[in-house]
Amino acid sequence: MGWLADWTAAHPAPPPHKRPAGIEVSYSQLRAFLDCPWLYRLRYQQRWRSAPTPASALGQTLHRALELYHAEGTSTAERLLELYEDSWVNPPGAPAPEVLALHARGADVLRRYWRQERDSKSKVEFVEREFLAPLGPHTVRGIVDRVDRRPDGTLEVIDYKTHLDLKDEAAAAQDLQLRMYAWGLRACWGLGARWLSWRYVAADRTVTAPYDPSGEEELEAFITRAADIIAAAKTFAPDFSYCPRCDFKLRCERSPLKGP
C-alpha cells in the first residue's frame, strides 16, 4: 500500500449529509491542503498570494518560453532565445546586476536545453494542455507541461523543473503531480502514459520512472477523499510543522513565526 492509500485510510470520509455538492480540485490545491489545511484556506479561500522572487520569475519565464517554442514547432536556438526575451518576467525589486545575472543564467539554461532537444529521438505531442475530468461528484483540473511520444510509440508525461533540488526515480514514480497528469491523460483523452519524467532544465538532467496504471484506483480514492473533506470542512486546522517552509509564515495569524 502506497502513501496515498495510507493517507486515505487515516482520514475517514465525512458523513454524506455533511458533504455539499462536488468541488473542483487541482494538484496545487491538494498539495496545499496536505502541507497545511490552514494554508489551503489562505491560498484558495482568502486568495493570499506569495511574493514573487527572482527564482520564481525566472521559472515563469522559462516555462513560458518553452511552451511557445514547442507550440510553434520551430527548431533554432535563435528562435528559442527570442521567445525567452519575449517571455521575460522582471523580478520586482531586484537590483540591476542581479537581474542581468539571472537573465544570463536563463539564457545559458535554454542553450543547453536546445542542444538536448536537437539530439532527442522523441516527438513532442503537445505542451501546456489543460484537462478537466469528472471524478465522482468532483472535477479534477490540471495543466500538463508536455507529453512526448517516444520512438517505440509509448507516451511520456514531462513536468519541467527549474530548481536544483533533484529527486530520484522512486520519488518520480510516487509523485502526486505526475500521477495526476497521467490520470488526466487517460480520463480526458483516452491516452495511456508509460513514463513519468521530471525535466530539470537548469541541471541538464531528466529523471524518469515507469508509470503503473494499476495505481489509479488508489489515486482516485485519495483525490475523492481529500475533496470530500475539503468540501465538508467548516474550519481548517493549521499544521504548525509546515510553518518554517511556508511563504506566509511572517504574516499568518496562526504562525508561531509571525513578526510583531
C-alpha atoms as a PDB file:
ATOM      1  CA  MET A   1       0.000   0.000   0.000  1.00  0.00           C
ATOM      2  CA  GLY A   2       1.426   3.389  -1.044  1.00  0.00           C
ATOM      3  CA  TRP A   3       1.368   6.694   0.796  1.00  0.00           C
ATOM      4  CA  LEU A   4      -1.866   7.795  -0.881  1.00  0.00           C
ATOM      5  CA  ALA A   5      -3.687   4.720   0.398  1.00  0.00           C
ATOM      6  CA  ASP A   6      -2.161   5.260   3.842  1.00  0.00           C
ATOM      7  CA  TRP A   7      -3.454   8.831   3.908  1.00  0.00           C
ATOM      8  CA  THR A   8      -6.913   7.799   2.732  1.00  0.00           C
ATOM      9  CA  ALA A   9      -7.127   5.094   5.396  1.00  0.00           C
ATOM     10  CA  ALA A  10      -6.091   7.572   8.094  1.00  0.00           C
ATOM     11  CA  HIS A  11      -8.710  10.186   7.105  1.00  0.00           C
ATOM     12  CA  PRO A  12     -12.300   8.924   7.305  1.00  0.00           C
ATOM     13  CA  ALA A  13     -14.847  10.357   4.923  1.00  0.00           C
ATOM     14  CA  PRO A  14     -17.226  12.944   6.354  1.00  0.00           C
ATOM     15  CA  PRO A  15     -20.835  11.787   6.752  1.00  0.00           C
ATOM     16  CA  PRO A  16     -22.737  12.019   3.442  1.00  0.00           C
ATOM     17  CA  HIS A  17     -25.241  14.553   4.806  1.00  0.00           C
ATOM     18  CA  LYS A  18     -22.363  16.942   5.594  1.00  0.00           C
ATOM     19  CA  ARG A  19     -20.931  16.913   2.097  1.00  0.00           C
ATOM     20  CA  PRO A  20     -22.122  19.690  -0.184  1.00  0.00           C
ATOM     21  CA  ALA A  21     -22.028  19.425  -3.963  1.00  0.00           C
ATOM     22  CA  GLY A  22     -18.755  18.425  -5.543  1.00  0.00           C
ATOM     23  CA  ILE A  23     -15.849  20.828  -5.896  1.00  0.00           C
ATOM     24  CA  GLU A  24     -13.080  21.379  -8.419  1.00  0.00           C
ATOM     25  CA  VAL A  25      -9.610  20.333  -7.276  1.00  0.00           C
ATOM     26  CA  SER A  26      -6.134  20.574  -8.759  1.00  0.00           C
ATOM     27  CA  TYR A  27      -2.742  19.272  -7.743  1.00  0.00           C
ATOM     28  CA  SER A  28      -1.802  22.676  -6.305  1.00  0.00           C
ATOM     29  CA  GLN A  29      -4.903  22.727  -4.121  1.00  0.00           C
ATOM     30  CA  LEU A  30      -4.336  19.200  -2.864  1.00  0.00           C
ATOM     31  CA  ARG A  31      -0.659  19.927  -2.206  1.00  0.00           C
ATOM     32  CA  ALA A  32      -1.541  22.994  -0.151  1.00  0.00           C
ATOM     33  CA  PHE A  33      -4.132  21.024   1.836  1.00  0.00           C
ATOM     34  CA  LEU A  34      -1.662  18.213   2.523  1.00  0.00           C
ATOM     35  CA  ASP A  35       1.040  20.654   3.620  1.00  0.00           C
ATOM     36  CA  CYS A  36      -1.287  22.587   5.926  1.00  0.00           C
ATOM     37  CA  PRO A  37      -5.101  22.835   5.779  1.00  0.00           C
ATOM     38  CA  TRP A  38      -4.839  26.430   7.013  1.00  0.00           C
ATOM     39  CA  LEU A  39      -2.537  27.193   4.068  1.00  0.00           C
ATOM     40  CA  TYR A  40      -5.257  25.871   1.760  1.00  0.00           C
ATOM     41  CA  ARG A  41      -7.712  28.280   3.368  1.00  0.00           C
ATOM     42  CA  LEU A  42      -5.356  31.246   2.978  1.00  0.00           C
ATOM     43  CA  ARG A  43      -4.391  30.459  -0.604  1.00  0.00           C
ATOM     44  CA  TYR A  44      -7.659  29.235  -2.103  1.00  0.00           C
ATOM     45  CA  GLN A  45     -10.374  30.783   0.033  1.00  0.00           C
ATOM     46  CA  GLN A  46      -8.806  34.073   1.100  1.00  0.00           C
ATOM     47  CA  ARG A  47      -6.718  34.333  -2.109  1.00  0.00           C
ATOM     48  CA  TRP A  48      -3.400  35.107  -0.492  1.00  0.00           C
ATOM     49  CA  ARG A  49      -0.523  35.177  -2.958  1.00  0.00           C
ATOM     50  CA  SER A  50       3.188  34.603  -2.470  1.00  0.00           C
ATOM     51  CA  ALA A  51       5.529  37.483  -3.196  1.00  0.00           C
ATOM     52  CA  PRO A  52       7.437  36.903  -6.454  1.00  0.00           C
ATOM     53  CA  THR A  53      11.131  36.123  -6.136  1.00  0.00           C
ATOM     54  CA  PRO A  54      13.953  36.166  -8.699  1.00  0.00           C
ATOM     55  CA  ALA A  55      13.832  32.372  -8.826  1.00  0.00           C
ATOM     56  CA  SER A  56      10.067  32.246  -9.383  1.00  0.00           C
ATOM     57  CA  ALA A  57      10.284  34.983 -12.044  1.00  0.00           C
ATOM     58  CA  LEU A  58      12.929  33.024 -13.922  1.00  0.00           C
ATOM     59  CA  GLY A  59      10.928  29.823 -13.587  1.00  0.00           C
ATOM     60  CA  GLN A  60       7.837  31.517 -15.022  1.00  0.00           C
ATOM     61  CA  THR A  61       9.899  32.917 -17.892  1.00  0.00           C
ATOM     62  CA  LEU A  62      11.455  29.570 -18.775  1.00  0.00           C
ATOM     63  CA  HIS A  63       8.122  27.743 -18.672  1.00  0.00           C
ATOM     64  CA  ARG A  64       6.537  30.292 -20.982  1.00  0.00           C
ATOM     65  CA  ALA A  65       9.444  30.333 -23.428  1.00  0.00           C
ATOM     66  CA  LEU A  66       9.462  26.535 -23.690  1.00  0.00           C
ATOM     67  CA  GLU A  67       5.697  26.431 -24.158  1.00  0.00           C
ATOM     68  CA  LEU A  68       5.850  28.911 -27.025  1.00  0.00           C
ATOM     69  CA  TYR A  69       8.890  27.258 -28.594  1.00  0.00           C
ATOM     70  CA  HIS A  70       7.333  23.798 -28.790  1.00  0.00           C
ATOM     71  CA  ALA A  71       3.886  25.116 -29.707  1.00  0.00           C
ATOM     72  CA  GLU A  72       5.452  26.873 -32.724  1.00  0.00           C
ATOM     73  CA  GLY A  73       7.311  23.744 -33.761  1.00  0.00           C
ATOM     74  CA  THR A  74      10.402  25.805 -34.542  1.00  0.00           C
ATOM     75  CA  SER A  75      13.860  24.333 -34.234  1.00  0.00           C
ATOM     76  CA  THR A  76      16.514  27.022 -33.928  1.00  0.00           C
ATOM     77  CA  ALA A  77      18.317  28.159 -30.818  1.00  0.00           C
ATOM     78  CA  GLU A  78      17.971  31.741 -32.002  1.00  0.00           C
ATOM     79  CA  ARG A  79      14.195  31.498 -32.033  1.00  0.00           C
ATOM     80  CA  LEU A  80      14.148  29.922 -28.563  1.00  0.00           C
ATOM     81  CA  LEU A  81      16.175  32.842 -27.218  1.00  0.00           C
ATOM     82  CA  GLU A  82      13.867  35.330 -28.953  1.00  0.00           C
ATOM     83  CA  LEU A  83      10.903  33.727 -27.198  1.00  0.00           C
ATOM     84  CA  TYR A  84      12.848  33.902 -23.959  1.00  0.00           C
ATOM     85  CA  GLU A  85      13.207  37.653 -24.406  1.00  0.00           C
ATOM     86  CA  ASP A  86       9.516  37.994 -25.256  1.00  0.00           C
ATOM     87  CA  SER A  87       8.551  35.971 -22.170  1.00  0.00           C
ATOM     88  CA  TRP A  88      10.864  37.689 -19.703  1.00  0.00           C
ATOM     89  CA  VAL A  89       9.348  38.397 -16.288  1.00  0.00           C
ATOM     90  CA  ASN A  90      11.336  41.052 -14.482  1.00  0.00           C
ATOM     91  CA  PRO A  91      11.740  40.143 -10.798  1.00  0.00           C
ATOM     92  CA  PRO A  92      10.287  43.077  -8.836  1.00  0.00           C
ATOM     93  CA  GLY A  93      12.654  44.892  -6.556  1.00  0.00           C
ATOM     94  CA  ALA A  94      15.780  43.032  -7.659  1.00  0.00           C
ATOM     95  CA  PRO A  95      18.862  45.210  -8.272  1.00  0.00           C
ATOM     96  CA  ALA A  96      20.012  45.565 -11.883  1.00  0.00           C
ATOM     97  CA  PRO A  97      23.190  43.446 -11.528  1.00  0.00           C
ATOM     98  CA  GLU A  98      21.136  40.584 -10.085  1.00  0.00           C
ATOM     99  CA  VAL A  99      18.605  40.828 -12.911  1.00  0.00           C
ATOM    100  CA  LEU A 100      21.363  40.765 -15.541  1.00  0.00           C
ATOM    101  CA  ALA A 101      22.999  37.729 -13.936  1.00  0.00           C
ATOM    102  CA  LEU A 102      19.602  35.983 -13.714  1.00  0.00           C
ATOM    103  CA  HIS A 103      18.880  36.756 -17.356  1.00  0.00           C
ATOM    104  CA  ALA A 104      22.260  35.384 -18.466  1.00  0.00           C
ATOM    105  CA  ARG A 105      21.751  32.224 -16.403  1.00  0.00           C
ATOM    106  CA  GLY A 106      18.365  31.610 -18.008  1.00  0.00           C
ATOM    107  CA  ALA A 107      19.784  32.064 -21.491  1.00  0.00           C
ATOM    108  CA  ASP A 108      22.522  29.517 -20.731  1.00  0.00           C
ATOM    109  CA  VAL A 109      19.897  27.062 -19.489  1.00  0.00           C
ATOM    110  CA  LEU A 110      17.963  27.365 -22.758  1.00  0.00           C
ATOM    111  CA  ARG A 111      21.041  26.953 -24.937  1.00  0.00           C
ATOM    112  CA  ARG A 112      21.820  23.670 -23.189  1.00  0.00           C
ATOM    113  CA  TYR A 113      18.169  22.656 -23.409  1.00  0.00           C
ATOM    114  CA  TRP A 114      18.156  23.301 -27.157  1.00  0.00           C
ATOM    115  CA  ARG A 115      21.194  21.086 -27.669  1.00  0.00           C
ATOM    116  CA  GLN A 116      19.482  18.249 -25.790  1.00  0.00           C
ATOM    117  CA  GLU A 117      16.290  18.672 -27.812  1.00  0.00           C
ATOM    118  CA  ARG A 118      18.252  18.664 -31.066  1.00  0.00           C
ATOM    119  CA  ASP A 119      19.553  15.178 -30.249  1.00  0.00           C
ATOM    120  CA  SER A 120      16.264  13.803 -28.906  1.00  0.00           C
ATOM    121  CA  LYS A 121      14.527  10.985 -30.800  1.00  0.00           C
ATOM    122  CA  SER A 122      11.143  11.617 -29.163  1.00  0.00           C
ATOM    123  CA  LYS A 123       8.347  13.669 -30.716  1.00  0.00           C
ATOM    124  CA  VAL A 124       6.545  16.368 -28.752  1.00  0.00           C
ATOM    125  CA  GLU A 125       2.840  15.515 -28.848  1.00  0.00           C
ATOM    126  CA  PHE A 126       1.585  18.617 -27.045  1.00  0.00           C
ATOM    127  CA  VAL A 127       2.541  21.224 -24.456  1.00  0.00           C
ATOM    128  CA  GLU A 128       0.620  23.068 -21.726  1.00  0.00           C
ATOM    129  CA  ARG A 129      -2.615  21.194 -22.330  1.00  0.00           C
ATOM    130  CA  GLU A 130      -5.369  21.550 -19.762  1.00  0.00           C
ATOM    131  CA  PHE A 131      -7.575  18.665 -18.691  1.00  0.00           C
ATOM    132  CA  LEU A 132     -10.863  18.825 -16.828  1.00  0.00           C
ATOM    133  CA  ALA A 133     -12.217  15.433 -15.836  1.00  0.00           C
ATOM    134  CA  PRO A 134     -15.053  14.281 -13.542  1.00  0.00           C
ATOM    135  CA  LEU A 135     -14.316  12.062 -10.555  1.00  0.00           C
ATOM    136  CA  GLY A 136     -17.446  11.119  -8.657  1.00  0.00           C
ATOM    137  CA  PRO A 137     -19.134  14.381  -7.611  1.00  0.00           C
ATOM    138  CA  HIS A 138     -15.892  16.319  -8.073  1.00  0.00           C
ATOM    139  CA  THR A 139     -13.906  17.680 -11.016  1.00  0.00           C
ATOM    140  CA  VAL A 140     -10.152  17.338 -11.395  1.00  0.00           C
ATOM    141  CA  ARG A 141      -8.273  20.060 -13.256  1.00  0.00           C
ATOM    142  CA  GLY A 142      -4.657  20.165 -14.367  1.00  0.00           C
ATOM    143  CA  ILE A 143      -2.289  21.543 -16.980  1.00  0.00           C
ATOM    144  CA  VAL A 144       0.319  19.109 -18.313  1.00  0.00           C
ATOM    145  CA  ASP A 145       3.619  20.787 -19.202  1.00  0.00           C
ATOM    146  CA  ARG A 146       4.442  18.378 -22.002  1.00  0.00           C
ATOM    147  CA  VAL A 147       3.758  14.916 -23.433  1.00  0.00           C
ATOM    148  CA  ASP A 148       6.259  13.176 -25.714  1.00  0.00           C
ATOM    149  CA  ARG A 149       5.887  10.124 -27.920  1.00  0.00           C
ATOM    150  CA  ARG A 150       8.985   8.016 -27.699  1.00  0.00           C
ATOM    151  CA  PRO A 151      10.473   6.159 -30.689  1.00  0.00           C
ATOM    152  CA  ASP A 152       8.772   2.943 -29.506  1.00  0.00           C
ATOM    153  CA  GLY A 153       5.387   4.699 -29.565  1.00  0.00           C
ATOM    154  CA  THR A 154       4.915   4.982 -25.805  1.00  0.00           C
ATOM    155  CA  LEU A 155       3.873   8.240 -24.170  1.00  0.00           C
ATOM    156  CA  GLU A 156       5.908  10.152 -21.611  1.00  0.00           C
ATOM    157  CA  VAL A 157       4.445  12.773 -19.262  1.00  0.00           C
ATOM    158  CA  ILE A 158       7.003  15.518 -18.600  1.00  0.00           C
ATOM    159  CA  ASP A 159       6.962  18.183 -15.912  1.00  0.00           C
ATOM    160  CA  TYR A 160       9.551  20.959 -16.139  1.00  0.00           C
ATOM    161  CA  LYS A 161      11.508  21.841 -13.014  1.00  0.00           C
ATOM    162  CA  THR A 162      13.668  24.952 -12.877  1.00  0.00           C
ATOM    163  CA  HIS A 163      15.184  24.421  -9.418  1.00  0.00           C
ATOM    164  CA  LEU A 164      18.169  22.276  -8.454  1.00  0.00           C
ATOM    165  CA  ASP A 165      16.523  20.131  -5.794  1.00  0.00           C
ATOM    166  CA  LEU A 166      16.775  16.845  -7.687  1.00  0.00           C
ATOM    167  CA  LYS A 167      14.854  13.722  -6.684  1.00  0.00           C
ATOM    168  CA  ASP A 168      15.228  10.137  -7.843  1.00  0.00           C
ATOM    169  CA  GLU A 169      13.221   7.708  -9.967  1.00  0.00           C
ATOM    170  CA  ALA A 170      11.449   6.192  -6.977  1.00  0.00           C
ATOM    171  CA  ALA A 171      10.159   9.626  -5.982  1.00  0.00           C
ATOM    172  CA  ALA A 172       9.005  10.317  -9.553  1.00  0.00           C
ATOM    173  CA  ALA A 173       7.046   7.055  -9.655  1.00  0.00           C
ATOM    174  CA  GLN A 174       5.115   8.055  -6.499  1.00  0.00           C
ATOM    175  CA  ASP A 175       4.811  11.786  -7.209  1.00  0.00           C
ATOM    176  CA  LEU A 176       1.241  13.005  -6.848  1.00  0.00           C
ATOM    177  CA  GLN A 177       1.503  15.658  -9.554  1.00  0.00           C
ATOM    178  CA  LEU A 178       2.945  13.360 -12.220  1.00  0.00           C
ATOM    179  CA  ARG A 179       0.433  10.641 -11.385  1.00  0.00           C
ATOM    180  CA  MET A 180      -2.464  13.103 -11.609  1.00  0.00           C
ATOM    181  CA  TYR A 181      -1.225  14.236 -15.023  1.00  0.00           C
ATOM    182  CA  ALA A 182      -1.028  10.647 -16.277  1.00  0.00           C
ATOM    183  CA  TRP A 183      -4.528  10.025 -14.884  1.00  0.00           C
ATOM    184  CA  GLY A 184      -5.819  13.149 -16.633  1.00  0.00           C
ATOM    185  CA  LEU A 185      -4.273  12.000 -19.900  1.00  0.00           C
ATOM    186  CA  ARG A 186      -6.365   8.858 -19.792  1.00  0.00           C
ATOM    187  CA  ALA A 187      -9.509  10.321 -18.238  1.00  0.00           C
ATOM    188  CA  CYS A 188      -9.744  13.226 -20.668  1.00  0.00           C
ATOM    189  CA  TRP A 189      -8.250  11.939 -23.914  1.00  0.00           C
ATOM    190  CA  GLY A 190      -8.075   8.166 -23.555  1.00  0.00           C
ATOM    191  CA  LEU A 191      -4.270   8.174 -23.777  1.00  0.00           C
ATOM    192  CA  GLY A 192      -2.176   5.792 -21.723  1.00  0.00           C
ATOM    193  CA  ALA A 193       1.104   7.121 -20.373  1.00  0.00           C
ATOM    194  CA  ARG A 194       4.004   4.689 -19.893  1.00  0.00           C
ATOM    195  CA  TRP A 195       6.577   7.055 -18.420  1.00  0.00           C
ATOM    196  CA  LEU A 196       6.703   9.869 -15.851  1.00  0.00           C
ATOM    197  CA  SER A 197       9.539  12.388 -16.074  1.00  0.00           C
ATOM    198  CA  TRP A 198      10.882  15.436 -14.312  1.00  0.00           C
ATOM    199  CA  ARG A 199      12.881  17.564 -16.737  1.00  0.00           C
ATOM    200  CA  TYR A 200      15.330  19.532 -14.587  1.00  0.00           C
ATOM    201  CA  VAL A 201      16.200  22.149 -17.182  1.00  0.00           C
ATOM    202  CA  ALA A 202      18.687  24.079 -15.013  1.00  0.00           C
ATOM    203  CA  ALA A 203      20.552  20.895 -14.068  1.00  0.00           C
ATOM    204  CA  ASP A 204      20.583  19.282 -17.537  1.00  0.00           C
ATOM    205  CA  ARG A 205      19.013  16.154 -16.149  1.00  0.00           C
ATOM    206  CA  THR A 206      15.844  14.163 -16.707  1.00  0.00           C
ATOM    207  CA  VAL A 207      14.566  11.747 -14.061  1.00  0.00           C
ATOM    208  CA  THR A 208      12.212   9.132 -15.496  1.00  0.00           C
ATOM    209  CA  ALA A 209      10.165   6.332 -13.946  1.00  0.00           C
ATOM    210  CA  PRO A 210       7.749   3.817 -15.483  1.00  0.00           C
ATOM    211  CA  TYR A 211       4.098   4.593 -14.863  1.00  0.00           C
ATOM    212  CA  ASP A 212       1.963   1.875 -13.310  1.00  0.00           C
ATOM    213  CA  PRO A 213      -1.719   2.471 -14.175  1.00  0.00           C
ATOM    214  CA  SER A 214      -2.782  -0.128 -11.616  1.00  0.00           C
ATOM    215  CA  GLY A 215      -2.284   2.603  -9.014  1.00  0.00           C
ATOM    216  CA  GLU A 216      -5.076   4.748 -10.448  1.00  0.00           C
ATOM    217  CA  GLU A 217      -7.704   3.216  -8.176  1.00  0.00           C
ATOM    218  CA  GLU A 218      -5.618   4.268  -5.170  1.00  0.00           C
ATOM    219  CA  LEU A 219      -5.150   7.734  -6.686  1.00  0.00           C
ATOM    220  CA  GLU A 220      -8.857   8.190  -7.382  1.00  0.00           C
ATOM    221  CA  ALA A 221      -9.764   7.118  -3.845  1.00  0.00           C
ATOM    222  CA  PHE A 222      -7.273   9.625  -2.417  1.00  0.00           C
ATOM    223  CA  ILE A 223      -8.448  12.552  -4.569  1.00  0.00           C
ATOM    224  CA  THR A 224     -12.096  11.786  -3.819  1.00  0.00           C
ATOM    225  CA  ARG A 225     -11.482  11.526  -0.079  1.00  0.00           C
ATOM    226  CA  ALA A 226      -9.415  14.718   0.073  1.00  0.00           C
ATOM    227  CA  ALA A 227     -12.015  16.608  -1.986  1.00  0.00           C
ATOM    228  CA  ASP A 228     -14.826  15.277   0.246  1.00  0.00           C
ATOM    229  CA  ILE A 229     -13.021  16.516   3.361  1.00  0.00           C
ATOM    230  CA  ILE A 230     -12.250  19.918   1.844  1.00  0.00           C
ATOM    231  CA  ALA A 231     -15.827  20.349   0.641  1.00  0.00           C
ATOM    232  CA  ALA A 232     -17.307  19.449   4.027  1.00  0.00           C
ATOM    233  CA  ALA A 233     -14.877  21.463   6.142  1.00  0.00           C
ATOM    234  CA  LYS A 234     -16.215  24.395   8.145  1.00  0.00           C
ATOM    235  CA  THR A 235     -12.805  25.209   9.612  1.00  0.00           C
ATOM    236  CA  PHE A 236      -9.239  24.324   8.665  1.00  0.00           C
ATOM    237  CA  ALA A 237      -6.719  23.463  11.362  1.00  0.00           C
ATOM    238  CA  PRO A 238      -3.136  24.660  10.904  1.00  0.00           C
ATOM    239  CA  ASP A 239      -0.266  22.187  10.734  1.00  0.00           C
ATOM    240  CA  PHE A 240       2.463  24.037  12.598  1.00  0.00           C
ATOM    241  CA  SER A 241       5.178  21.674  11.368  1.00  0.00           C
ATOM    242  CA  TYR A 242       4.878  23.316   7.959  1.00  0.00           C
ATOM    243  CA  CYS A 243       5.345  26.879   9.238  1.00  0.00           C
ATOM    244  CA  PRO A 244       9.142  27.108   8.697  1.00  0.00           C
ATOM    245  CA  ARG A 245       8.657  26.350   4.974  1.00  0.00           C
ATOM    246  CA  CYS A 246       5.550  28.474   4.433  1.00  0.00           C
ATOM    247  CA  ASP A 247       5.649  31.621   2.290  1.00  0.00           C
ATOM    248  CA  PHE A 248       3.187  33.253   4.692  1.00  0.00           C
ATOM    249  CA  LYS A 249       4.939  32.412   7.962  1.00  0.00           C
ATOM    250  CA  LEU A 250       5.735  36.039   8.826  1.00  0.00           C
ATOM    251  CA  ARG A 251       2.197  37.371   8.332  1.00  0.00           C
ATOM    252  CA  CYS A 252      -0.114  34.431   9.049  1.00  0.00           C
ATOM    253  CA  GLU A 253      -2.053  34.990  12.270  1.00  0.00           C
ATOM    254  CA  ARG A 254      -1.681  31.316  13.201  1.00  0.00           C
ATOM    255  CA  SER A 255       2.084  31.131  12.635  1.00  0.00           C
ATOM    256  CA  PRO A 256       4.366  30.962  15.690  1.00  0.00           C
ATOM    257  CA  LEU A 257       6.993  32.658  13.499  1.00  0.00           C
ATOM    258  CA  LYS A 258       4.835  35.711  12.807  1.00  0.00           C
ATOM    259  CA  GLY A 259       6.579  39.015  13.354  1.00  0.00           C
ATOM    260  CA  PRO A 260       5.337  41.712  15.749  1.00  0.00           C
END
